[in-house]
Amino acid sequence: MDVTALCIRLLINVLMVLVAQVHNSHCTQNDDAAFPRIVPNRLQFFEYESISVNCLTEQRVMRTLKEINQPNISNWSTSAGSGTVKPAFSSDSGEYWCEDGEGLRRSAVNISVTAGSVILESPVLPVKEGDNVTLLCTKKKSTSEVIAEFYKDGHLIRTDYKGNLIIHNVSRSHEGLYKCNISGAGESPESWLAVRGEM
């Protein structure tokens, strides 16, 4: 094989790697953009906190609350690309999503607002397979470490003396409903941990 052919083959291999990287980055960005951006970046909140829900500027924020009798009908929307719930109450718990002017609905997130004393801090966006993720059990008005029990799909999976659950090398088998419990303080709501595969 002469030098020219070798250089061409090497160049093609480099281009294929670059295209794959751009494709993976593009897919990840598109996947993430399909979800509303929640500030603070978690799915559970204590009552009286402030929650911001942000979409792209040409979209509006929509929600369907758990207490609404007709779950397919939204009782709240914004004309701009963002909305703020302040202060939040347990009645603000529900499904939030972004929607464009033609009614195209993007991926939704389920936000829980609790009047209780315990929340589980978990990622809003799906976690990529192979990554590590930390779930944090938080007690209201407390900055000290707590002993927390963590549950997946209703089953106790771990007790941690620092109040966090670290899942290494996440796989699809880790998808599910997670909650935590702090003795004497109570139990958090459940939140879904989503896992996406490699692009």
N, C-alpha and C. Protein backbone atom coordinates (compact mmCIF):
# COMPACT_ATOMS: atom_id res chain seq x y z
N MET A 1 0.86 -1.19 0.00
CA MET A 1 0.00 0.00 0.00
C MET A 1 0.89 1.24 0.00
N ASP A 2 0.68 2.16 -0.98
CA ASP A 2 1.55 3.33 -1.04
C ASP A 2 1.15 4.37 0.00
N VAL A 3 1.97 5.39 0.14
CA VAL A 3 1.79 6.41 1.17
C VAL A 3 0.49 7.18 0.96
N THR A 4 0.15 7.48 -0.29
CA THR A 4 -1.08 8.25 -0.59
C THR A 4 -2.32 7.48 -0.15
N ALA A 5 -2.38 6.20 -0.49
CA ALA A 5 -3.53 5.38 -0.10
C ALA A 5 -3.63 5.27 1.41
N LEU A 6 -2.48 5.13 2.09
CA LEU A 6 -2.46 5.03 3.54
C LEU A 6 -2.97 6.32 4.18
N CYS A 7 -2.55 7.46 3.64
CA CYS A 7 -3.01 8.76 4.15
C CYS A 7 -4.51 8.93 3.96
N ILE A 8 -5.01 8.52 2.80
CA ILE A 8 -6.46 8.64 2.52
C ILE A 8 -7.25 7.77 3.50
N ARG A 9 -6.76 6.55 3.71
CA ARG A 9 -7.46 5.65 4.63
C ARG A 9 -7.45 6.21 6.05
N LEU A 10 -6.32 6.76 6.47
CA LEU A 10 -6.21 7.36 7.80
C LEU A 10 -7.15 8.56 7.93
N LEU A 11 -7.21 9.37 6.88
CA LEU A 11 -8.09 10.53 6.88
C LEU A 11 -9.56 10.11 6.99
N ILE A 12 -9.93 9.08 6.28
CA ILE A 12 -11.32 8.57 6.33
C ILE A 12 -11.65 8.09 7.74
N ASN A 13 -10.72 7.37 8.37
CA ASN A 13 -10.95 6.89 9.74
C ASN A 13 -11.13 8.05 10.72
N VAL A 14 -10.29 9.09 10.57
CA VAL A 14 -10.40 10.26 11.44
C VAL A 14 -11.75 10.94 11.25
N LEU A 15 -12.18 11.09 9.99
CA LEU A 15 -13.47 11.72 9.69
C LEU A 15 -14.63 10.92 10.28
N MET A 16 -14.54 9.59 10.21
CA MET A 16 -15.61 8.74 10.77
C MET A 16 -15.71 8.93 12.28
N VAL A 17 -14.56 9.02 12.95
CA VAL A 17 -14.55 9.24 14.40
C VAL A 17 -15.16 10.59 14.74
N LEU A 18 -14.79 11.63 13.98
CA LEU A 18 -15.34 12.97 14.22
C LEU A 18 -16.83 13.02 14.00
N VAL A 19 -17.31 12.37 12.93
CA VAL A 19 -18.76 12.33 12.66
C VAL A 19 -19.49 11.63 13.78
N ALA A 20 -18.94 10.54 14.29
CA ALA A 20 -19.57 9.81 15.39
C ALA A 20 -19.64 10.67 16.64
N GLN A 21 -18.56 11.42 16.92
CA GLN A 21 -18.57 12.28 18.10
C GLN A 21 -19.60 13.39 17.98
N VAL A 22 -19.67 14.01 16.79
CA VAL A 22 -20.66 15.07 16.56
C VAL A 22 -22.07 14.51 16.68
N HIS A 23 -22.29 13.30 16.13
CA HIS A 23 -23.61 12.67 16.21
C HIS A 23 -24.00 12.41 17.65
N ASN A 24 -23.08 11.87 18.45
CA ASN A 24 -23.37 11.60 19.86
C ASN A 24 -23.67 12.87 20.61
N SER A 25 -22.88 13.91 20.35
CA SER A 25 -23.11 15.20 21.02
C SER A 25 -24.45 15.78 20.61
N HIS A 26 -24.77 15.68 19.31
CA HIS A 26 -26.04 16.22 18.80
C HIS A 26 -27.22 15.48 19.41
N CYS A 27 -27.12 14.15 19.48
CA CYS A 27 -28.21 13.35 20.06
C CYS A 27 -28.42 13.70 21.52
N THR A 28 -27.31 13.82 22.28
CA THR A 28 -27.41 14.15 23.69
C THR A 28 -28.06 15.51 23.89
N GLN A 29 -27.63 16.50 23.08
CA GLN A 29 -28.19 17.83 23.20
C GLN A 29 -29.67 17.82 22.86
N ASN A 30 -30.04 17.09 21.80
CA ASN A 30 -31.45 17.02 21.41
C ASN A 30 -32.29 16.34 22.48
N ASP A 31 -31.74 15.26 23.05
CA ASP A 31 -32.47 14.56 24.11
C ASP A 31 -32.71 15.48 25.29
N ASP A 32 -31.64 16.18 25.71
CA ASP A 32 -31.75 17.08 26.85
C ASP A 32 -32.70 18.24 26.55
N ALA A 33 -32.66 18.76 25.31
CA ALA A 33 -33.50 19.90 24.95
C ALA A 33 -34.97 19.54 24.93
N ALA A 34 -35.28 18.24 24.84
CA ALA A 34 -36.68 17.82 24.81
C ALA A 34 -37.34 17.97 26.17
N PHE A 35 -36.53 18.10 27.23
CA PHE A 35 -37.05 18.22 28.58
C PHE A 35 -37.04 19.68 29.03
N PRO A 36 -38.01 20.08 29.84
CA PRO A 36 -37.92 21.41 30.44
C PRO A 36 -36.74 21.45 31.41
N ARG A 37 -36.14 22.62 31.55
CA ARG A 37 -35.04 22.81 32.50
C ARG A 37 -35.63 23.30 33.80
N ILE A 38 -35.37 22.57 34.88
CA ILE A 38 -35.94 22.88 36.19
C ILE A 38 -34.86 23.52 37.06
N VAL A 39 -35.21 24.63 37.71
CA VAL A 39 -34.29 25.31 38.63
C VAL A 39 -34.99 25.50 39.97
N PRO A 40 -34.42 24.95 41.07
CA PRO A 40 -33.20 24.14 41.18
C PRO A 40 -33.33 22.81 40.43
N ASN A 41 -32.20 22.22 40.09
CA ASN A 41 -32.16 21.04 39.24
C ASN A 41 -32.49 19.76 40.02
N ARG A 42 -33.77 19.57 40.31
CA ARG A 42 -34.25 18.36 40.99
C ARG A 42 -35.74 18.21 40.73
N LEU A 43 -36.28 17.06 41.12
CA LEU A 43 -37.69 16.75 40.86
C LEU A 43 -38.58 16.90 42.08
N GLN A 44 -37.97 17.02 43.27
CA GLN A 44 -38.76 17.12 44.49
C GLN A 44 -38.44 18.43 45.23
N PHE A 45 -39.49 19.00 45.83
CA PHE A 45 -39.35 20.30 46.50
C PHE A 45 -40.17 20.31 47.78
N PHE A 46 -39.71 21.12 48.73
CA PHE A 46 -40.50 21.38 49.92
C PHE A 46 -41.50 22.50 49.61
N GLU A 47 -42.62 22.49 50.31
CA GLU A 47 -43.57 23.58 50.15
C GLU A 47 -42.90 24.92 50.46
N TYR A 48 -43.35 25.95 49.80
CA TYR A 48 -42.89 27.34 49.93
C TYR A 48 -41.58 27.62 49.20
N GLU A 49 -41.00 26.59 48.54
CA GLU A 49 -39.84 26.85 47.70
C GLU A 49 -40.31 27.48 46.39
N SER A 50 -39.35 28.03 45.65
CA SER A 50 -39.60 28.58 44.33
C SER A 50 -39.10 27.61 43.28
N ILE A 51 -39.91 27.35 42.24
CA ILE A 51 -39.54 26.43 41.17
C ILE A 51 -39.65 27.16 39.83
N SER A 52 -38.58 27.16 39.06
CA SER A 52 -38.61 27.74 37.71
C SER A 52 -38.59 26.61 36.69
N VAL A 53 -39.47 26.72 35.69
CA VAL A 53 -39.55 25.74 34.61
C VAL A 53 -39.27 26.48 33.31
N ASN A 54 -38.21 26.09 32.61
CA ASN A 54 -37.76 26.83 31.43
C ASN A 54 -37.77 25.96 30.18
N CYS A 55 -38.31 26.53 29.09
CA CYS A 55 -38.31 25.88 27.79
C CYS A 55 -37.58 26.79 26.80
N LEU A 56 -37.51 26.37 25.55
CA LEU A 56 -36.97 27.23 24.51
C LEU A 56 -37.90 28.43 24.34
N THR A 57 -37.37 29.54 23.83
CA THR A 57 -38.15 30.79 23.78
C THR A 57 -39.40 30.68 22.93
N GLU A 58 -39.39 29.82 21.91
CA GLU A 58 -40.57 29.70 21.05
C GLU A 58 -41.60 28.70 21.60
N GLN A 59 -41.35 28.19 22.78
CA GLN A 59 -42.26 27.23 23.39
C GLN A 59 -42.93 27.83 24.62
N ARG A 60 -43.96 27.15 25.08
CA ARG A 60 -44.61 27.55 26.33
C ARG A 60 -44.53 26.40 27.32
N VAL A 61 -44.60 26.74 28.60
CA VAL A 61 -44.57 25.73 29.65
C VAL A 61 -46.00 25.29 29.93
N MET A 62 -46.18 23.98 30.02
CA MET A 62 -47.50 23.41 30.29
C MET A 62 -47.41 22.50 31.51
N ARG A 63 -48.54 22.29 32.17
CA ARG A 63 -48.55 21.33 33.27
C ARG A 63 -49.94 20.74 33.45
N THR A 64 -49.97 19.55 33.98
CA THR A 64 -51.20 18.90 34.40
C THR A 64 -50.99 18.47 35.84
N LEU A 65 -51.80 18.97 36.75
CA LEU A 65 -51.62 18.67 38.16
C LEU A 65 -52.26 17.34 38.51
N LYS A 66 -51.69 16.68 39.53
CA LYS A 66 -52.20 15.37 39.94
C LYS A 66 -53.62 15.43 40.46
N GLU A 67 -54.03 16.58 40.97
CA GLU A 67 -55.35 16.68 41.58
C GLU A 67 -56.45 17.02 40.58
N ILE A 68 -56.07 17.24 39.30
CA ILE A 68 -57.07 17.53 38.27
C ILE A 68 -57.78 16.24 37.88
N ASN A 69 -59.11 16.29 37.77
CA ASN A 69 -59.89 15.08 37.46
C ASN A 69 -59.68 14.60 36.03
N GLN A 70 -59.41 15.54 35.10
CA GLN A 70 -59.20 15.15 33.71
C GLN A 70 -57.70 15.31 33.40
N PRO A 71 -56.92 14.24 33.54
CA PRO A 71 -55.47 14.34 33.47
C PRO A 71 -54.92 14.78 32.11
N ASN A 72 -55.72 14.71 31.04
CA ASN A 72 -55.21 15.11 29.73
C ASN A 72 -55.39 16.59 29.46
N ILE A 73 -55.99 17.31 30.38
CA ILE A 73 -56.23 18.73 30.19
C ILE A 73 -55.31 19.53 31.11
N SER A 74 -54.54 20.43 30.53
CA SER A 74 -53.66 21.27 31.33
C SER A 74 -54.45 22.42 31.92
N ASN A 75 -54.15 22.77 33.16
CA ASN A 75 -54.84 23.90 33.79
C ASN A 75 -53.92 25.10 33.91
N TRP A 76 -52.77 25.05 33.27
CA TRP A 76 -51.80 26.13 33.43
C TRP A 76 -50.85 26.12 32.25
N SER A 77 -50.57 27.28 31.71
CA SER A 77 -49.56 27.39 30.66
C SER A 77 -49.01 28.80 30.68
N THR A 78 -47.86 28.97 30.04
CA THR A 78 -47.28 30.30 29.93
C THR A 78 -47.15 30.65 28.45
N SER A 79 -47.17 31.93 28.14
CA SER A 79 -47.01 32.34 26.76
C SER A 79 -45.54 32.44 26.37
N ALA A 80 -44.66 32.55 27.36
CA ALA A 80 -43.22 32.63 27.11
C ALA A 80 -42.58 31.29 27.37
N GLY A 81 -41.25 31.26 27.26
CA GLY A 81 -40.53 30.01 27.42
C GLY A 81 -40.19 29.64 28.84
N SER A 82 -40.80 30.31 29.82
CA SER A 82 -40.50 29.98 31.20
C SER A 82 -41.71 30.27 32.09
N GLY A 83 -41.72 29.62 33.23
CA GLY A 83 -42.78 29.85 34.22
C GLY A 83 -42.22 29.60 35.61
N THR A 84 -42.73 30.31 36.58
CA THR A 84 -42.24 30.16 37.96
C THR A 84 -43.40 29.88 38.90
N VAL A 85 -43.20 28.89 39.75
CA VAL A 85 -44.17 28.57 40.79
C VAL A 85 -43.58 29.08 42.10
N LYS A 86 -44.17 30.12 42.67
CA LYS A 86 -43.61 30.74 43.87
C LYS A 86 -44.72 31.39 44.69
N PRO A 87 -44.93 30.91 45.90
CA PRO A 87 -44.34 29.72 46.52
C PRO A 87 -45.04 28.46 46.01
N ALA A 88 -44.34 27.35 46.08
CA ALA A 88 -44.91 26.09 45.63
C ALA A 88 -45.66 25.41 46.78
N PHE A 89 -46.74 24.73 46.43
CA PHE A 89 -47.52 23.96 47.40
C PHE A 89 -47.67 22.53 46.88
N SER A 90 -48.09 21.63 47.74
CA SER A 90 -48.24 20.24 47.33
C SER A 90 -49.21 20.11 46.15
N SER A 91 -50.15 21.04 46.05
CA SER A 91 -51.11 21.01 44.94
C SER A 91 -50.45 21.35 43.60
N ASP A 92 -49.20 21.83 43.62
CA ASP A 92 -48.46 22.11 42.38
C ASP A 92 -47.74 20.88 41.86
N SER A 93 -47.85 19.75 42.56
CA SER A 93 -47.25 18.51 42.08
C SER A 93 -47.95 18.08 40.79
N GLY A 94 -47.17 17.59 39.84
CA GLY A 94 -47.76 17.13 38.59
C GLY A 94 -46.75 17.03 37.48
N GLU A 95 -47.26 16.93 36.27
CA GLU A 95 -46.44 16.74 35.08
C GLU A 95 -46.22 18.08 34.38
N TYR A 96 -44.98 18.40 34.08
CA TYR A 96 -44.62 19.66 33.42
C TYR A 96 -43.89 19.34 32.12
N TRP A 97 -44.21 20.11 31.04
CA TRP A 97 -43.56 19.87 29.77
C TRP A 97 -43.53 21.15 28.93
N CYS A 98 -42.79 21.08 27.82
CA CYS A 98 -42.70 22.20 26.88
C CYS A 98 -43.54 21.86 25.65
N GLU A 99 -44.14 22.89 25.08
CA GLU A 99 -45.02 22.68 23.93
C GLU A 99 -44.85 23.86 22.97
N ASP A 100 -44.79 23.55 21.67
CA ASP A 100 -44.64 24.64 20.70
C ASP A 100 -46.00 25.17 20.26
N GLY A 101 -45.98 26.16 19.36
CA GLY A 101 -47.21 26.80 18.93
C GLY A 101 -48.17 25.89 18.19
N GLU A 102 -47.66 24.79 17.66
CA GLU A 102 -48.50 23.83 16.94
C GLU A 102 -49.01 22.72 17.84
N GLY A 103 -48.73 22.83 19.12
CA GLY A 103 -49.21 21.83 20.07
C GLY A 103 -48.34 20.61 20.19
N LEU A 104 -47.12 20.66 19.61
CA LEU A 104 -46.21 19.52 19.72
C LEU A 104 -45.64 19.47 21.12
N ARG A 105 -45.91 18.38 21.80
CA ARG A 105 -45.50 18.21 23.19
C ARG A 105 -44.15 17.53 23.28
N ARG A 106 -43.27 18.07 24.12
CA ARG A 106 -41.96 17.47 24.33
C ARG A 106 -42.00 16.57 25.57
N SER A 107 -40.85 16.00 25.93
CA SER A 107 -40.77 15.09 27.08
C SER A 107 -41.17 15.80 28.37
N ALA A 108 -41.93 15.11 29.19
CA ALA A 108 -42.44 15.68 30.45
C ALA A 108 -41.61 15.20 31.64
N VAL A 109 -41.66 16.00 32.70
CA VAL A 109 -41.06 15.61 33.98
C VAL A 109 -42.14 15.68 35.05
N ASN A 110 -42.03 14.80 36.03
CA ASN A 110 -42.98 14.79 37.14
C ASN A 110 -42.36 15.45 38.37
N ILE A 111 -42.93 16.58 38.75
CA ILE A 111 -42.44 17.33 39.90
C ILE A 111 -43.32 17.03 41.10
N SER A 112 -42.68 16.77 42.25
CA SER A 112 -43.40 16.53 43.50
C SER A 112 -43.08 17.63 44.50
N VAL A 113 -44.11 18.24 45.06
CA VAL A 113 -43.95 19.22 46.13
C VAL A 113 -44.57 18.63 47.38
N THR A 114 -43.80 18.55 48.44
CA THR A 114 -44.29 17.88 49.65
C THR A 114 -44.42 18.84 50.83
N ALA A 115 -45.44 18.60 51.63
CA ALA A 115 -45.59 19.32 52.89
C ALA A 115 -44.81 18.63 54.00
N GLY A 116 -44.19 17.50 53.66
CA GLY A 116 -43.41 16.74 54.64
C GLY A 116 -42.03 17.33 54.86
N SER A 117 -41.19 16.58 55.55
CA SER A 117 -39.87 17.07 55.95
C SER A 117 -38.71 16.42 55.20
N VAL A 118 -39.01 15.54 54.24
CA VAL A 118 -37.95 14.81 53.54
C VAL A 118 -38.20 14.82 52.03
N ILE A 119 -37.13 15.10 51.27
CA ILE A 119 -37.19 14.97 49.82
C ILE A 119 -36.01 14.14 49.34
N LEU A 120 -36.16 13.57 48.15
CA LEU A 120 -35.07 12.85 47.48
C LEU A 120 -34.62 13.72 46.31
N GLU A 121 -33.36 14.12 46.33
CA GLU A 121 -32.82 14.91 45.23
C GLU A 121 -32.27 13.96 44.18
N SER A 122 -32.90 13.97 43.00
CA SER A 122 -32.51 13.08 41.91
C SER A 122 -32.47 13.86 40.61
N PRO A 123 -31.76 13.35 39.58
CA PRO A 123 -31.60 14.10 38.33
C PRO A 123 -32.93 14.33 37.61
N VAL A 124 -33.06 15.51 37.02
CA VAL A 124 -34.23 15.81 36.19
C VAL A 124 -34.12 15.09 34.86
N LEU A 125 -32.94 15.15 34.25
CA LEU A 125 -32.73 14.54 32.93
C LEU A 125 -32.35 13.07 33.07
N PRO A 126 -32.62 12.27 32.03
CA PRO A 126 -32.19 10.88 32.07
C PRO A 126 -30.68 10.77 32.23
N VAL A 127 -30.24 9.75 32.95
CA VAL A 127 -28.82 9.49 33.17
C VAL A 127 -28.33 8.57 32.07
N LYS A 128 -27.13 8.84 31.55
CA LYS A 128 -26.59 8.03 30.47
C LYS A 128 -26.01 6.73 31.03
N GLU A 129 -26.26 5.62 30.32
CA GLU A 129 -25.70 4.33 30.72
C GLU A 129 -24.18 4.44 30.88
N GLY A 130 -23.67 3.86 31.97
CA GLY A 130 -22.24 3.88 32.23
C GLY A 130 -21.80 5.01 33.15
N ASP A 131 -22.66 6.03 33.31
CA ASP A 131 -22.32 7.14 34.20
C ASP A 131 -22.57 6.74 35.65
N ASN A 132 -22.10 7.57 36.57
CA ASN A 132 -22.41 7.43 37.99
C ASN A 132 -23.46 8.47 38.35
N VAL A 133 -24.35 8.15 39.28
CA VAL A 133 -25.37 9.09 39.71
C VAL A 133 -25.49 9.04 41.24
N THR A 134 -25.73 10.19 41.84
CA THR A 134 -25.89 10.27 43.29
C THR A 134 -27.30 10.76 43.61
N LEU A 135 -28.01 10.02 44.44
CA LEU A 135 -29.31 10.42 44.96
C LEU A 135 -29.10 10.87 46.40
N LEU A 136 -29.65 12.03 46.74
CA LEU A 136 -29.42 12.61 48.06
C LEU A 136 -30.73 12.71 48.83
N CYS A 137 -30.74 12.18 50.03
CA CYS A 137 -31.92 12.27 50.89
C CYS A 137 -31.74 13.49 51.79
N THR A 138 -32.66 14.45 51.70
CA THR A 138 -32.51 15.73 52.38
C THR A 138 -33.63 15.97 53.38
N LYS A 139 -33.24 16.39 54.57
CA LYS A 139 -34.21 16.75 55.61
C LYS A 139 -34.37 18.26 55.63
N LYS A 140 -35.61 18.71 55.73
CA LYS A 140 -35.91 20.15 55.71
C LYS A 140 -35.19 20.87 56.85
N LYS A 141 -34.60 22.01 56.50
CA LYS A 141 -33.92 22.89 57.48
C LYS A 141 -32.83 22.15 58.24
N SER A 142 -32.10 21.28 57.54
CA SER A 142 -31.00 20.57 58.18
C SER A 142 -29.83 20.48 57.21
N THR A 143 -28.63 20.81 57.69
CA THR A 143 -27.44 20.72 56.85
C THR A 143 -26.53 19.56 57.28
N SER A 144 -26.90 18.89 58.35
CA SER A 144 -26.08 17.79 58.85
C SER A 144 -26.37 16.50 58.08
N GLU A 145 -25.42 15.58 58.12
CA GLU A 145 -25.61 14.29 57.47
C GLU A 145 -26.66 13.47 58.23
N VAL A 146 -27.41 12.68 57.47
CA VAL A 146 -28.50 11.90 58.06
C VAL A 146 -28.35 10.44 57.68
N ILE A 147 -28.93 9.57 58.49
CA ILE A 147 -29.01 8.15 58.16
C ILE A 147 -30.28 7.96 57.35
N ALA A 148 -30.14 7.47 56.13
CA ALA A 148 -31.29 7.36 55.23
C ALA A 148 -31.41 5.96 54.66
N GLU A 149 -32.64 5.51 54.55
CA GLU A 149 -32.94 4.25 53.87
C GLU A 149 -33.43 4.60 52.47
N PHE A 150 -32.90 3.89 51.47
CA PHE A 150 -33.27 4.13 50.08
C PHE A 150 -34.07 2.95 49.53
N TYR A 151 -35.14 3.27 48.81
CA TYR A 151 -36.03 2.26 48.26
C TYR A 151 -36.12 2.41 46.75
N LYS A 152 -36.16 1.29 46.06
CA LYS A 152 -36.41 1.26 44.61
C LYS A 152 -37.63 0.38 44.36
N ASP A 153 -38.62 0.95 43.70
CA ASP A 153 -39.86 0.22 43.40
C ASP A 153 -40.45 -0.43 44.65
N GLY A 154 -40.35 0.28 45.78
CA GLY A 154 -40.96 -0.17 47.02
C GLY A 154 -40.11 -1.11 47.86
N HIS A 155 -38.92 -1.47 47.37
CA HIS A 155 -38.07 -2.42 48.10
C HIS A 155 -36.84 -1.70 48.65
N LEU A 156 -36.51 -1.96 49.91
CA LEU A 156 -35.32 -1.38 50.53
C LEU A 156 -34.08 -1.92 49.82
N ILE A 157 -33.23 -0.99 49.34
CA ILE A 157 -32.02 -1.43 48.64
C ILE A 157 -30.74 -1.06 49.38
N ARG A 158 -30.81 -0.02 50.24
CA ARG A 158 -29.59 0.35 50.96
C ARG A 158 -29.91 1.33 52.10
N THR A 159 -29.10 1.24 53.15
CA THR A 159 -29.12 2.23 54.22
C THR A 159 -27.76 2.92 54.19
N ASP A 160 -27.79 4.26 54.18
CA ASP A 160 -26.54 5.01 54.09
C ASP A 160 -26.44 5.99 55.24
N TYR A 161 -25.26 6.08 55.83
CA TYR A 161 -25.08 6.92 57.01
C TYR A 161 -24.67 8.35 56.68
N LYS A 162 -24.59 8.65 55.38
CA LYS A 162 -24.33 10.03 54.95
C LYS A 162 -25.49 10.61 54.15
N GLY A 163 -26.55 9.83 54.03
CA GLY A 163 -27.76 10.32 53.37
C GLY A 163 -27.70 10.35 51.86
N ASN A 164 -26.72 9.64 51.26
CA ASN A 164 -26.72 9.61 49.80
C ASN A 164 -26.54 8.20 49.26
N LEU A 165 -27.08 8.00 48.09
CA LEU A 165 -27.00 6.72 47.41
C LEU A 165 -26.24 6.94 46.11
N ILE A 166 -25.06 6.33 45.98
CA ILE A 166 -24.27 6.47 44.76
C ILE A 166 -24.43 5.19 43.94
N ILE A 167 -24.89 5.37 42.72
CA ILE A 167 -25.05 4.23 41.80
C ILE A 167 -23.94 4.34 40.76
N HIS A 168 -23.04 3.37 40.75
CA HIS A 168 -21.92 3.36 39.81
C HIS A 168 -22.30 2.61 38.54
N ASN A 169 -21.77 3.09 37.42
CA ASN A 169 -21.96 2.40 36.14
C ASN A 169 -23.44 2.09 35.89
N VAL A 170 -24.22 3.14 35.79
CA VAL A 170 -25.68 3.01 35.66
C VAL A 170 -26.05 2.20 34.42
N SER A 171 -27.05 1.33 34.57
CA SER A 171 -27.58 0.55 33.45
C SER A 171 -29.10 0.66 33.46
N ARG A 172 -29.72 0.10 32.44
CA ARG A 172 -31.18 0.14 32.33
C ARG A 172 -31.86 -0.50 33.54
N SER A 173 -31.17 -1.45 34.16
CA SER A 173 -31.76 -2.14 35.31
C SER A 173 -31.95 -1.20 36.51
N HIS A 174 -31.28 -0.06 36.48
CA HIS A 174 -31.40 0.90 37.58
C HIS A 174 -32.60 1.83 37.41
N GLU A 175 -33.27 1.79 36.28
CA GLU A 175 -34.46 2.61 36.10
C GLU A 175 -35.53 2.18 37.10
N GLY A 176 -36.27 3.15 37.60
CA GLY A 176 -37.35 2.81 38.52
C GLY A 176 -37.74 3.97 39.40
N LEU A 177 -38.67 3.69 40.32
CA LEU A 177 -39.16 4.69 41.26
C LEU A 177 -38.33 4.62 42.55
N TYR A 178 -37.73 5.74 42.91
CA TYR A 178 -36.88 5.80 44.10
C TYR A 178 -37.50 6.74 45.14
N LYS A 179 -37.30 6.38 46.40
CA LYS A 179 -37.69 7.24 47.51
C LYS A 179 -36.73 6.97 48.66
N CYS A 180 -36.78 7.82 49.68
CA CYS A 180 -35.92 7.60 50.84
C CYS A 180 -36.70 7.87 52.12
N ASN A 181 -36.16 7.38 53.20
CA ASN A 181 -36.80 7.55 54.51
C ASN A 181 -35.74 7.91 55.54
N ILE A 182 -36.04 8.91 56.37
CA ILE A 182 -35.18 9.30 57.48
C ILE A 182 -35.96 9.06 58.76
N SER A 183 -35.44 8.19 59.62
CA SER A 183 -36.15 7.84 60.85
C SER A 183 -36.42 9.09 61.68
N GLY A 184 -37.67 9.23 62.08
CA GLY A 184 -38.07 10.36 62.90
C GLY A 184 -38.47 11.60 62.11
N ALA A 185 -38.12 11.62 60.81
CA ALA A 185 -38.44 12.79 59.97
C ALA A 185 -39.49 12.46 58.92
N GLY A 186 -39.47 11.21 58.42
CA GLY A 186 -40.48 10.81 57.45
C GLY A 186 -39.89 10.31 56.15
N GLU A 187 -40.77 10.18 55.18
CA GLU A 187 -40.46 9.58 53.89
C GLU A 187 -40.63 10.60 52.79
N SER A 188 -39.78 10.51 51.78
CA SER A 188 -39.88 11.40 50.62
C SER A 188 -40.95 10.88 49.66
N PRO A 189 -41.40 11.72 48.73
CA PRO A 189 -42.21 11.21 47.61
C PRO A 189 -41.33 10.30 46.74
N GLU A 190 -41.95 9.64 45.76
CA GLU A 190 -41.21 8.81 44.81
C GLU A 190 -40.90 9.63 43.55
N SER A 191 -39.73 9.39 42.97
CA SER A 191 -39.36 10.00 41.69
C SER A 191 -38.77 8.93 40.78
N TRP A 192 -39.04 9.09 39.47
CA TRP A 192 -38.57 8.14 38.50
C TRP A 192 -37.15 8.49 38.06
N LEU A 193 -36.24 7.52 38.15
CA LEU A 193 -34.89 7.67 37.62
C LEU A 193 -34.87 7.06 36.23
N ALA A 194 -34.65 7.90 35.22
CA ALA A 194 -34.63 7.44 33.83
C ALA A 194 -33.19 7.24 33.39
N VAL A 195 -32.96 6.19 32.58
CA VAL A 195 -31.63 5.88 32.05
C VAL A 195 -31.74 5.78 30.54
N ARG A 196 -30.85 6.47 29.83
CA ARG A 196 -30.85 6.39 28.39
C ARG A 196 -29.61 5.63 27.92
N GLY A 197 -29.75 4.91 26.81
CA GLY A 197 -28.64 4.14 26.28
C GLY A 197 -27.65 5.00 25.53
N GLU A 198 -26.54 4.40 25.16
CA GLU A 198 -25.55 5.09 24.36
C GLU A 198 -26.14 5.34 22.98
N MET A 199 -25.81 6.50 22.41
CA MET A 199 -26.30 6.84 21.08
C MET A 199 -25.48 6.10 20.03
